[in-house]
Amino acid sequence: MTTTAHRQGADHLVDVPVAELTTLMIDWLTARSEGVSAEFDGNYIRHCPVPNEYEGIYSPSTNPLDGHPLLEREKIQLRYIDCPGHSWNGLWLAQDCRFRSTSKSVEWSAYGVPYPELALGFLTGSTMLIAGLRFIIAKTCVGKSKTPMVRVPSELIGAA
């Protein structure tokens, strides 16, 4: 994993490429961008309406009840690659589906239609939620970059 360390107040933040975000990192970043009061308890990102009082697990990267509404709202198009020999065989690809609101058919572009604000066409992941949420994070948190990077707490590096 490619990382760069930064200090911000008492928090130790690390730059991580969006394409390498783990499920915990995705969950933490999504909670922040969605305004969900959540904290890392050492194992999971948990709902935390009062500091240090943990409730249920918040995991849009693995829980369809949390993740699918985000993919739908952001109009993310997903495709599974099942083609031996293809460089992304066995991965999900996520790209923007801008024309969904017009009800017009949107054809999949093998290498993605570049998102104007990003210098990328798609992001991958081992599941549709991971791929889709990585794309949403890149689209909403990063801006124009061929290798989008985000900052996450260092305690999430290497955590389950």
N, C-alpha and C. Protein backbone atom coordinates (compact mmCIF):
# COMPACT_ATOMS: atom_id res chain seq x y z
N MET A 1 0.84 -1.17 0.00
CA MET A 1 0.00 0.00 0.00
C MET A 1 0.89 1.24 0.00
N THR A 2 0.56 2.22 -0.82
CA THR A 2 1.29 3.46 -0.92
C THR A 2 0.69 4.47 0.04
N THR A 3 1.48 4.95 1.01
CA THR A 3 0.95 5.90 1.97
C THR A 3 1.93 7.03 2.22
N THR A 4 1.43 8.17 2.68
CA THR A 4 2.24 9.31 3.09
C THR A 4 1.65 9.81 4.39
N ALA A 5 2.49 9.99 5.43
CA ALA A 5 1.98 10.40 6.74
C ALA A 5 1.89 11.91 6.88
N HIS A 6 0.90 12.38 7.64
CA HIS A 6 0.68 13.79 7.96
C HIS A 6 0.21 13.87 9.40
N ARG A 7 0.49 14.99 10.06
CA ARG A 7 -0.05 15.22 11.40
C ARG A 7 -1.05 16.35 11.31
N GLN A 8 -2.20 16.15 11.94
CA GLN A 8 -3.22 17.18 11.99
C GLN A 8 -3.75 17.19 13.42
N GLY A 9 -3.31 18.15 14.22
CA GLY A 9 -3.70 18.17 15.62
C GLY A 9 -3.22 16.90 16.29
N ALA A 10 -4.09 16.27 17.06
CA ALA A 10 -3.73 15.03 17.75
C ALA A 10 -3.89 13.82 16.85
N ASP A 11 -4.55 14.00 15.69
CA ASP A 11 -4.78 12.88 14.79
C ASP A 11 -3.60 12.68 13.86
N HIS A 12 -3.24 11.44 13.65
CA HIS A 12 -2.18 11.12 12.70
C HIS A 12 -2.86 10.60 11.44
N LEU A 13 -2.83 11.40 10.38
CA LEU A 13 -3.49 11.04 9.13
C LEU A 13 -2.48 10.55 8.11
N VAL A 14 -2.92 9.65 7.27
CA VAL A 14 -2.06 9.05 6.25
C VAL A 14 -2.76 9.17 4.90
N ASP A 15 -2.01 9.58 3.87
CA ASP A 15 -2.54 9.62 2.51
C ASP A 15 -2.56 8.20 1.95
N VAL A 16 -3.69 7.82 1.38
CA VAL A 16 -3.84 6.49 0.79
C VAL A 16 -4.50 6.65 -0.58
N PRO A 17 -4.01 5.96 -1.61
CA PRO A 17 -4.69 6.01 -2.91
C PRO A 17 -6.11 5.44 -2.79
N VAL A 18 -7.07 6.09 -3.41
CA VAL A 18 -8.46 5.63 -3.35
C VAL A 18 -8.56 4.18 -3.83
N ALA A 19 -7.79 3.82 -4.83
CA ALA A 19 -7.85 2.45 -5.38
C ALA A 19 -7.39 1.40 -4.38
N GLU A 20 -6.73 1.81 -3.28
CA GLU A 20 -6.23 0.87 -2.28
C GLU A 20 -6.99 0.94 -0.96
N LEU A 21 -8.09 1.67 -0.91
CA LEU A 21 -8.85 1.80 0.33
C LEU A 21 -9.41 0.46 0.78
N THR A 22 -9.24 0.15 2.06
CA THR A 22 -9.81 -1.06 2.65
C THR A 22 -11.26 -0.78 3.05
N THR A 23 -11.97 -1.81 3.46
CA THR A 23 -13.36 -1.62 3.87
C THR A 23 -13.47 -0.67 5.06
N LEU A 24 -12.58 -0.77 6.04
CA LEU A 24 -12.63 0.14 7.19
C LEU A 24 -12.41 1.58 6.76
N MET A 25 -11.45 1.80 5.86
CA MET A 25 -11.18 3.16 5.39
C MET A 25 -12.38 3.71 4.62
N ILE A 26 -12.98 2.87 3.78
CA ILE A 26 -14.18 3.29 3.03
C ILE A 26 -15.30 3.65 4.00
N ASP A 27 -15.50 2.82 5.02
CA ASP A 27 -16.57 3.07 5.99
C ASP A 27 -16.32 4.38 6.75
N TRP A 28 -15.09 4.62 7.17
CA TRP A 28 -14.75 5.84 7.91
C TRP A 28 -14.96 7.07 7.03
N LEU A 29 -14.44 7.03 5.79
CA LEU A 29 -14.59 8.17 4.88
C LEU A 29 -16.05 8.42 4.52
N THR A 30 -16.80 7.35 4.31
CA THR A 30 -18.21 7.49 3.97
C THR A 30 -18.99 8.09 5.14
N ALA A 31 -18.70 7.64 6.36
CA ALA A 31 -19.36 8.21 7.54
C ALA A 31 -19.10 9.71 7.61
N ARG A 32 -17.86 10.12 7.38
CA ARG A 32 -17.51 11.55 7.43
C ARG A 32 -18.26 12.32 6.34
N SER A 33 -18.26 11.81 5.13
CA SER A 33 -18.89 12.56 4.03
C SER A 33 -20.41 12.56 4.13
N GLU A 34 -21.00 11.55 4.78
CA GLU A 34 -22.46 11.46 4.93
C GLU A 34 -22.96 12.10 6.22
N GLY A 35 -22.04 12.59 7.05
CA GLY A 35 -22.44 13.21 8.31
C GLY A 35 -22.92 12.22 9.36
N VAL A 36 -22.48 10.98 9.24
CA VAL A 36 -22.85 9.94 10.21
C VAL A 36 -21.90 10.04 11.41
N SER A 37 -22.45 10.14 12.59
CA SER A 37 -21.64 10.18 13.80
C SER A 37 -21.13 8.76 14.07
N ALA A 38 -19.84 8.56 13.79
CA ALA A 38 -19.26 7.22 13.91
C ALA A 38 -17.81 7.31 14.34
N GLU A 39 -17.34 6.26 15.01
CA GLU A 39 -15.95 6.18 15.46
C GLU A 39 -15.42 4.77 15.23
N PHE A 40 -14.09 4.67 15.15
CA PHE A 40 -13.43 3.38 15.04
C PHE A 40 -13.22 2.84 16.45
N ASP A 41 -13.73 1.64 16.74
CA ASP A 41 -13.61 1.07 18.09
C ASP A 41 -12.44 0.10 18.23
N GLY A 42 -11.59 0.05 17.23
CA GLY A 42 -10.46 -0.88 17.23
C GLY A 42 -10.70 -2.07 16.31
N ASN A 43 -11.97 -2.33 15.99
CA ASN A 43 -12.32 -3.41 15.08
C ASN A 43 -13.25 -2.97 13.95
N TYR A 44 -14.19 -2.10 14.28
CA TYR A 44 -15.22 -1.67 13.33
C TYR A 44 -15.44 -0.17 13.41
N ILE A 45 -16.08 0.36 12.37
CA ILE A 45 -16.60 1.72 12.42
C ILE A 45 -18.00 1.57 13.00
N ARG A 46 -18.27 2.24 14.12
CA ARG A 46 -19.56 2.07 14.80
C ARG A 46 -20.29 3.40 14.91
N HIS A 47 -21.63 3.31 14.84
CA HIS A 47 -22.45 4.48 15.12
C HIS A 47 -22.09 4.93 16.54
N CYS A 48 -21.92 6.22 16.71
CA CYS A 48 -21.50 6.74 18.01
C CYS A 48 -22.14 8.10 18.25
N PRO A 49 -23.44 8.14 18.58
CA PRO A 49 -24.12 9.41 18.77
C PRO A 49 -23.55 10.22 19.94
N VAL A 50 -22.99 9.53 20.94
CA VAL A 50 -22.34 10.17 22.08
C VAL A 50 -20.90 9.64 22.10
N PRO A 51 -19.89 10.53 22.24
CA PRO A 51 -18.50 10.06 22.22
C PRO A 51 -18.27 8.86 23.13
N ASN A 52 -17.61 7.86 22.58
CA ASN A 52 -17.23 6.62 23.27
C ASN A 52 -18.41 5.75 23.71
N GLU A 53 -19.59 6.01 23.20
CA GLU A 53 -20.75 5.14 23.44
C GLU A 53 -21.15 4.53 22.10
N TYR A 54 -20.66 3.32 21.85
CA TYR A 54 -20.84 2.70 20.55
C TYR A 54 -22.19 2.01 20.42
N GLU A 55 -22.75 2.12 19.23
CA GLU A 55 -23.98 1.40 18.91
C GLU A 55 -23.66 0.43 17.78
N GLY A 56 -24.56 0.25 16.84
CA GLY A 56 -24.36 -0.71 15.76
C GLY A 56 -23.20 -0.37 14.84
N ILE A 57 -22.81 -1.35 14.06
CA ILE A 57 -21.71 -1.19 13.10
C ILE A 57 -22.22 -0.42 11.88
N TYR A 58 -21.41 0.54 11.42
CA TYR A 58 -21.70 1.28 10.19
C TYR A 58 -20.73 0.76 9.14
N SER A 59 -21.23 0.03 8.16
CA SER A 59 -20.34 -0.58 7.17
C SER A 59 -20.96 -0.58 5.78
N PRO A 60 -21.03 0.58 5.13
CA PRO A 60 -21.58 0.61 3.78
C PRO A 60 -20.76 -0.21 2.78
N SER A 61 -19.49 -0.47 3.10
CA SER A 61 -18.64 -1.24 2.18
C SER A 61 -18.97 -2.73 2.18
N THR A 62 -19.66 -3.21 3.21
CA THR A 62 -20.01 -4.63 3.28
C THR A 62 -21.49 -4.88 3.54
N ASN A 63 -22.22 -3.88 3.99
CA ASN A 63 -23.64 -4.04 4.30
C ASN A 63 -24.49 -3.36 3.23
N PRO A 64 -25.20 -4.15 2.41
CA PRO A 64 -26.02 -3.56 1.35
C PRO A 64 -27.07 -2.56 1.86
N LEU A 65 -27.56 -2.74 3.08
CA LEU A 65 -28.55 -1.79 3.61
C LEU A 65 -27.97 -0.39 3.76
N ASP A 66 -26.66 -0.31 4.07
CA ASP A 66 -25.99 0.99 4.17
C ASP A 66 -25.44 1.45 2.82
N GLY A 67 -24.91 0.52 2.02
CA GLY A 67 -24.18 0.88 0.80
C GLY A 67 -25.01 1.07 -0.45
N HIS A 68 -25.99 0.20 -0.70
CA HIS A 68 -26.76 0.29 -1.95
C HIS A 68 -27.47 1.63 -2.15
N PRO A 69 -28.08 2.22 -1.10
CA PRO A 69 -28.72 3.52 -1.32
C PRO A 69 -27.73 4.60 -1.78
N LEU A 70 -26.48 4.51 -1.34
CA LEU A 70 -25.47 5.48 -1.77
C LEU A 70 -25.14 5.29 -3.25
N LEU A 71 -25.00 4.04 -3.68
CA LEU A 71 -24.72 3.76 -5.09
C LEU A 71 -25.86 4.26 -5.97
N GLU A 72 -27.08 4.03 -5.51
CA GLU A 72 -28.26 4.47 -6.27
C GLU A 72 -28.33 6.00 -6.33
N ARG A 73 -28.15 6.65 -5.19
CA ARG A 73 -28.22 8.11 -5.14
C ARG A 73 -27.18 8.76 -6.05
N GLU A 74 -25.97 8.20 -6.05
CA GLU A 74 -24.88 8.78 -6.84
C GLU A 74 -24.86 8.27 -8.28
N LYS A 75 -25.80 7.40 -8.62
CA LYS A 75 -25.94 6.88 -9.98
C LYS A 75 -24.65 6.21 -10.48
N ILE A 76 -24.18 5.25 -9.69
CA ILE A 76 -22.97 4.52 -10.03
C ILE A 76 -23.34 3.28 -10.84
N GLN A 77 -22.66 3.11 -11.97
CA GLN A 77 -22.86 1.95 -12.83
C GLN A 77 -21.76 0.94 -12.52
N LEU A 78 -22.14 -0.33 -12.38
CA LEU A 78 -21.19 -1.37 -12.00
C LEU A 78 -21.21 -2.51 -12.99
N ARG A 79 -20.05 -3.15 -13.13
CA ARG A 79 -19.96 -4.31 -14.02
C ARG A 79 -18.91 -5.26 -13.47
N TYR A 80 -19.25 -6.55 -13.45
CA TYR A 80 -18.32 -7.58 -13.01
C TYR A 80 -17.57 -8.10 -14.23
N ILE A 81 -16.25 -8.23 -14.13
CA ILE A 81 -15.43 -8.73 -15.23
C ILE A 81 -15.16 -10.21 -15.01
N ASP A 82 -15.72 -11.03 -15.89
CA ASP A 82 -15.52 -12.48 -15.84
C ASP A 82 -14.94 -12.90 -17.19
N CYS A 83 -13.66 -12.61 -17.35
CA CYS A 83 -13.01 -12.85 -18.63
C CYS A 83 -11.55 -13.24 -18.36
N PRO A 84 -11.25 -14.55 -18.32
CA PRO A 84 -9.87 -14.96 -18.08
C PRO A 84 -8.92 -14.26 -19.06
N GLY A 85 -7.83 -13.78 -18.52
CA GLY A 85 -6.86 -13.07 -19.33
C GLY A 85 -7.04 -11.56 -19.29
N HIS A 86 -8.22 -11.10 -18.91
CA HIS A 86 -8.48 -9.66 -18.78
C HIS A 86 -7.75 -9.17 -17.53
N SER A 87 -7.13 -8.00 -17.59
CA SER A 87 -6.35 -7.52 -16.45
C SER A 87 -7.19 -7.27 -15.20
N TRP A 88 -8.51 -7.11 -15.35
CA TRP A 88 -9.38 -6.89 -14.19
C TRP A 88 -10.31 -8.09 -13.96
N ASN A 89 -9.93 -9.26 -14.45
CA ASN A 89 -10.76 -10.45 -14.27
C ASN A 89 -11.03 -10.69 -12.78
N GLY A 90 -12.29 -10.93 -12.45
CA GLY A 90 -12.67 -11.20 -11.07
C GLY A 90 -12.93 -9.96 -10.23
N LEU A 91 -12.87 -8.78 -10.85
CA LEU A 91 -13.11 -7.53 -10.13
C LEU A 91 -14.38 -6.86 -10.62
N TRP A 92 -14.92 -6.00 -9.78
CA TRP A 92 -16.03 -5.13 -10.17
C TRP A 92 -15.46 -3.80 -10.61
N LEU A 93 -16.03 -3.23 -11.66
CA LEU A 93 -15.65 -1.90 -12.13
C LEU A 93 -16.82 -0.96 -11.88
N ALA A 94 -16.52 0.22 -11.38
CA ALA A 94 -17.55 1.23 -11.12
C ALA A 94 -17.25 2.47 -11.93
N GLN A 95 -18.29 3.02 -12.55
CA GLN A 95 -18.14 4.28 -13.28
C GLN A 95 -19.42 5.08 -13.12
N ASP A 96 -19.34 6.33 -13.50
CA ASP A 96 -20.48 7.23 -13.37
C ASP A 96 -21.53 6.91 -14.42
N CYS A 97 -22.78 7.01 -14.06
CA CYS A 97 -23.91 6.76 -14.96
C CYS A 97 -24.75 8.03 -14.99
N ARG A 98 -24.26 9.06 -15.65
CA ARG A 98 -24.86 10.38 -15.59
C ARG A 98 -26.23 10.49 -16.23
N PHE A 99 -26.60 9.59 -17.11
CA PHE A 99 -27.84 9.76 -17.87
C PHE A 99 -29.01 8.98 -17.30
N ARG A 100 -28.85 8.40 -16.13
CA ARG A 100 -29.90 7.57 -15.55
C ARG A 100 -31.19 8.35 -15.33
N SER A 101 -31.10 9.61 -14.94
CA SER A 101 -32.30 10.39 -14.64
C SER A 101 -33.16 10.64 -15.88
N THR A 102 -32.58 10.52 -17.07
CA THR A 102 -33.35 10.73 -18.30
C THR A 102 -33.99 9.44 -18.78
N SER A 103 -33.72 8.34 -18.09
CA SER A 103 -34.24 7.01 -18.44
C SER A 103 -33.69 6.49 -19.76
N LYS A 104 -32.68 7.13 -20.30
CA LYS A 104 -32.06 6.64 -21.53
C LYS A 104 -31.08 5.53 -21.20
N SER A 105 -30.99 4.57 -22.10
CA SER A 105 -30.07 3.46 -21.92
C SER A 105 -28.64 3.98 -21.95
N VAL A 106 -27.86 3.53 -20.98
CA VAL A 106 -26.46 3.92 -20.93
C VAL A 106 -25.64 2.67 -21.20
N GLU A 107 -24.84 2.71 -22.23
CA GLU A 107 -24.01 1.55 -22.56
C GLU A 107 -22.72 1.62 -21.77
N TRP A 108 -22.26 0.45 -21.38
CA TRP A 108 -21.01 0.36 -20.63
C TRP A 108 -19.85 0.67 -21.55
N SER A 109 -18.94 1.51 -21.09
CA SER A 109 -17.73 1.80 -21.83
C SER A 109 -16.62 0.93 -21.23
N ALA A 110 -16.00 0.13 -22.05
CA ALA A 110 -15.01 -0.83 -21.56
C ALA A 110 -13.94 -0.18 -20.69
N TYR A 111 -13.56 1.03 -20.98
CA TYR A 111 -12.54 1.69 -20.19
C TYR A 111 -13.08 2.93 -19.50
N GLY A 112 -14.39 3.05 -19.43
CA GLY A 112 -15.01 4.14 -18.69
C GLY A 112 -15.04 5.44 -19.45
N VAL A 113 -16.11 6.18 -19.26
CA VAL A 113 -16.19 7.53 -19.80
C VAL A 113 -15.60 8.42 -18.73
N PRO A 114 -14.52 9.15 -19.02
CA PRO A 114 -13.90 9.95 -17.98
C PRO A 114 -14.87 10.91 -17.32
N TYR A 115 -14.86 10.93 -16.02
CA TYR A 115 -15.65 11.88 -15.26
C TYR A 115 -14.93 13.23 -15.39
N PRO A 116 -15.59 14.29 -15.85
CA PRO A 116 -14.91 15.54 -16.15
C PRO A 116 -14.08 16.11 -14.99
N GLU A 117 -14.55 15.93 -13.75
CA GLU A 117 -13.83 16.49 -12.62
C GLU A 117 -12.69 15.58 -12.14
N LEU A 118 -12.62 14.37 -12.69
CA LEU A 118 -11.56 13.44 -12.34
C LEU A 118 -10.79 13.08 -13.59
N ALA A 119 -9.57 12.63 -13.41
CA ALA A 119 -8.79 12.16 -14.54
C ALA A 119 -8.83 10.64 -14.56
N LEU A 120 -10.00 10.07 -14.31
CA LEU A 120 -10.14 8.61 -14.33
C LEU A 120 -11.50 8.26 -14.89
N GLY A 121 -11.63 7.06 -15.39
CA GLY A 121 -12.91 6.62 -15.93
C GLY A 121 -13.65 5.68 -15.01
N PHE A 122 -12.92 4.89 -14.21
CA PHE A 122 -13.56 3.93 -13.32
C PHE A 122 -12.60 3.57 -12.20
N LEU A 123 -13.14 2.91 -11.17
CA LEU A 123 -12.33 2.33 -10.11
C LEU A 123 -12.79 0.89 -9.91
N THR A 124 -11.91 0.06 -9.37
CA THR A 124 -12.22 -1.36 -9.21
C THR A 124 -12.33 -1.74 -7.73
N GLY A 125 -12.87 -2.93 -7.50
CA GLY A 125 -12.95 -3.49 -6.16
C GLY A 125 -13.35 -4.95 -6.24
N SER A 126 -13.12 -5.67 -5.15
CA SER A 126 -13.46 -7.09 -5.13
C SER A 126 -14.96 -7.33 -5.01
N THR A 127 -15.71 -6.30 -4.58
CA THR A 127 -17.17 -6.39 -4.53
C THR A 127 -17.75 -5.14 -5.17
N MET A 128 -19.05 -5.20 -5.50
CA MET A 128 -19.67 -4.02 -6.11
C MET A 128 -19.70 -2.85 -5.14
N LEU A 129 -19.89 -3.11 -3.85
CA LEU A 129 -19.92 -2.02 -2.87
C LEU A 129 -18.55 -1.36 -2.74
N ILE A 130 -17.49 -2.15 -2.69
CA ILE A 130 -16.15 -1.58 -2.57
C ILE A 130 -15.82 -0.75 -3.80
N ALA A 131 -16.05 -1.28 -4.99
CA ALA A 131 -15.76 -0.53 -6.23
C ALA A 131 -16.60 0.74 -6.30
N GLY A 132 -17.89 0.63 -6.05
CA GLY A 132 -18.78 1.77 -6.14
C GLY A 132 -18.47 2.86 -5.14
N LEU A 133 -18.19 2.47 -3.89
CA LEU A 133 -17.89 3.47 -2.87
C LEU A 133 -16.52 4.10 -3.09
N ARG A 134 -15.55 3.34 -3.61
CA ARG A 134 -14.27 3.96 -3.97
C ARG A 134 -14.50 5.05 -5.02
N PHE A 135 -15.36 4.76 -6.00
CA PHE A 135 -15.63 5.76 -7.04
C PHE A 135 -16.31 6.98 -6.44
N ILE A 136 -17.29 6.77 -5.56
CA ILE A 136 -17.98 7.90 -4.93
C ILE A 136 -17.00 8.75 -4.13
N ILE A 137 -16.10 8.10 -3.38
CA ILE A 137 -15.10 8.83 -2.60
C ILE A 137 -14.20 9.65 -3.51
N ALA A 138 -13.74 9.05 -4.61
CA ALA A 138 -12.89 9.78 -5.55
C ALA A 138 -13.65 10.96 -6.14
N LYS A 139 -14.89 10.74 -6.51
CA LYS A 139 -15.71 11.77 -7.16
C LYS A 139 -16.02 12.92 -6.22
N THR A 140 -16.30 12.63 -4.96
CA THR A 140 -16.75 13.67 -4.04
C THR A 140 -15.66 14.27 -3.16
N CYS A 141 -14.60 13.54 -2.91
CA CYS A 141 -13.60 14.00 -1.94
C CYS A 141 -12.27 14.43 -2.53
N VAL A 142 -11.99 14.07 -3.76
CA VAL A 142 -10.64 14.26 -4.26
C VAL A 142 -10.51 15.36 -5.29
N GLY A 143 -11.27 15.32 -6.34
CA GLY A 143 -11.09 16.27 -7.44
C GLY A 143 -10.21 15.67 -8.51
N LYS A 144 -9.75 16.50 -9.43
CA LYS A 144 -9.03 16.03 -10.61
C LYS A 144 -7.67 15.45 -10.24
N SER A 145 -7.50 14.18 -10.55
CA SER A 145 -6.26 13.49 -10.25
C SER A 145 -6.25 12.14 -10.95
N LYS A 146 -5.10 11.77 -11.50
CA LYS A 146 -4.99 10.45 -12.12
C LYS A 146 -4.86 9.37 -11.04
N THR A 147 -4.31 9.74 -9.90
CA THR A 147 -4.18 8.82 -8.77
C THR A 147 -4.79 9.50 -7.55
N PRO A 148 -6.12 9.43 -7.40
CA PRO A 148 -6.76 10.12 -6.28
C PRO A 148 -6.28 9.58 -4.93
N MET A 149 -5.95 10.50 -4.03
CA MET A 149 -5.49 10.16 -2.68
C MET A 149 -6.43 10.79 -1.67
N VAL A 150 -6.63 10.11 -0.55
CA VAL A 150 -7.42 10.64 0.56
C VAL A 150 -6.65 10.42 1.86
N ARG A 151 -7.00 11.17 2.89
CA ARG A 151 -6.36 11.02 4.20
C ARG A 151 -7.27 10.24 5.13
N VAL A 152 -6.68 9.24 5.78
CA VAL A 152 -7.40 8.42 6.76
C VAL A 152 -6.55 8.32 8.02
N PRO A 153 -7.17 8.05 9.17
CA PRO A 153 -6.39 7.87 10.41
C PRO A 153 -5.43 6.69 10.27
N SER A 154 -4.22 6.87 10.79
CA SER A 154 -3.22 5.81 10.69
C SER A 154 -3.66 4.53 11.38
N GLU A 155 -4.55 4.63 12.39
CA GLU A 155 -5.00 3.43 13.10
C GLU A 155 -5.80 2.49 12.19
N LEU A 156 -6.28 3.01 11.05
CA LEU A 156 -7.02 2.16 10.11
C LEU A 156 -6.08 1.37 9.20
N ILE A 157 -4.81 1.78 9.13
CA ILE A 157 -3.83 1.07 8.32
C ILE A 157 -3.51 -0.26 9.02
N GLY A 158 -3.69 -1.33 8.32
CA GLY A 158 -3.39 -2.65 8.88
C GLY A 158 -4.46 -3.21 9.81
N ALA A 159 -5.51 -2.42 10.09
CA ALA A 159 -6.60 -2.94 10.92
C ALA A 159 -7.42 -3.92 10.09
N ALA A 160 -8.01 -4.88 10.77
CA ALA A 160 -8.79 -5.92 10.09
C ALA A 160 -9.61 -5.31 9.02
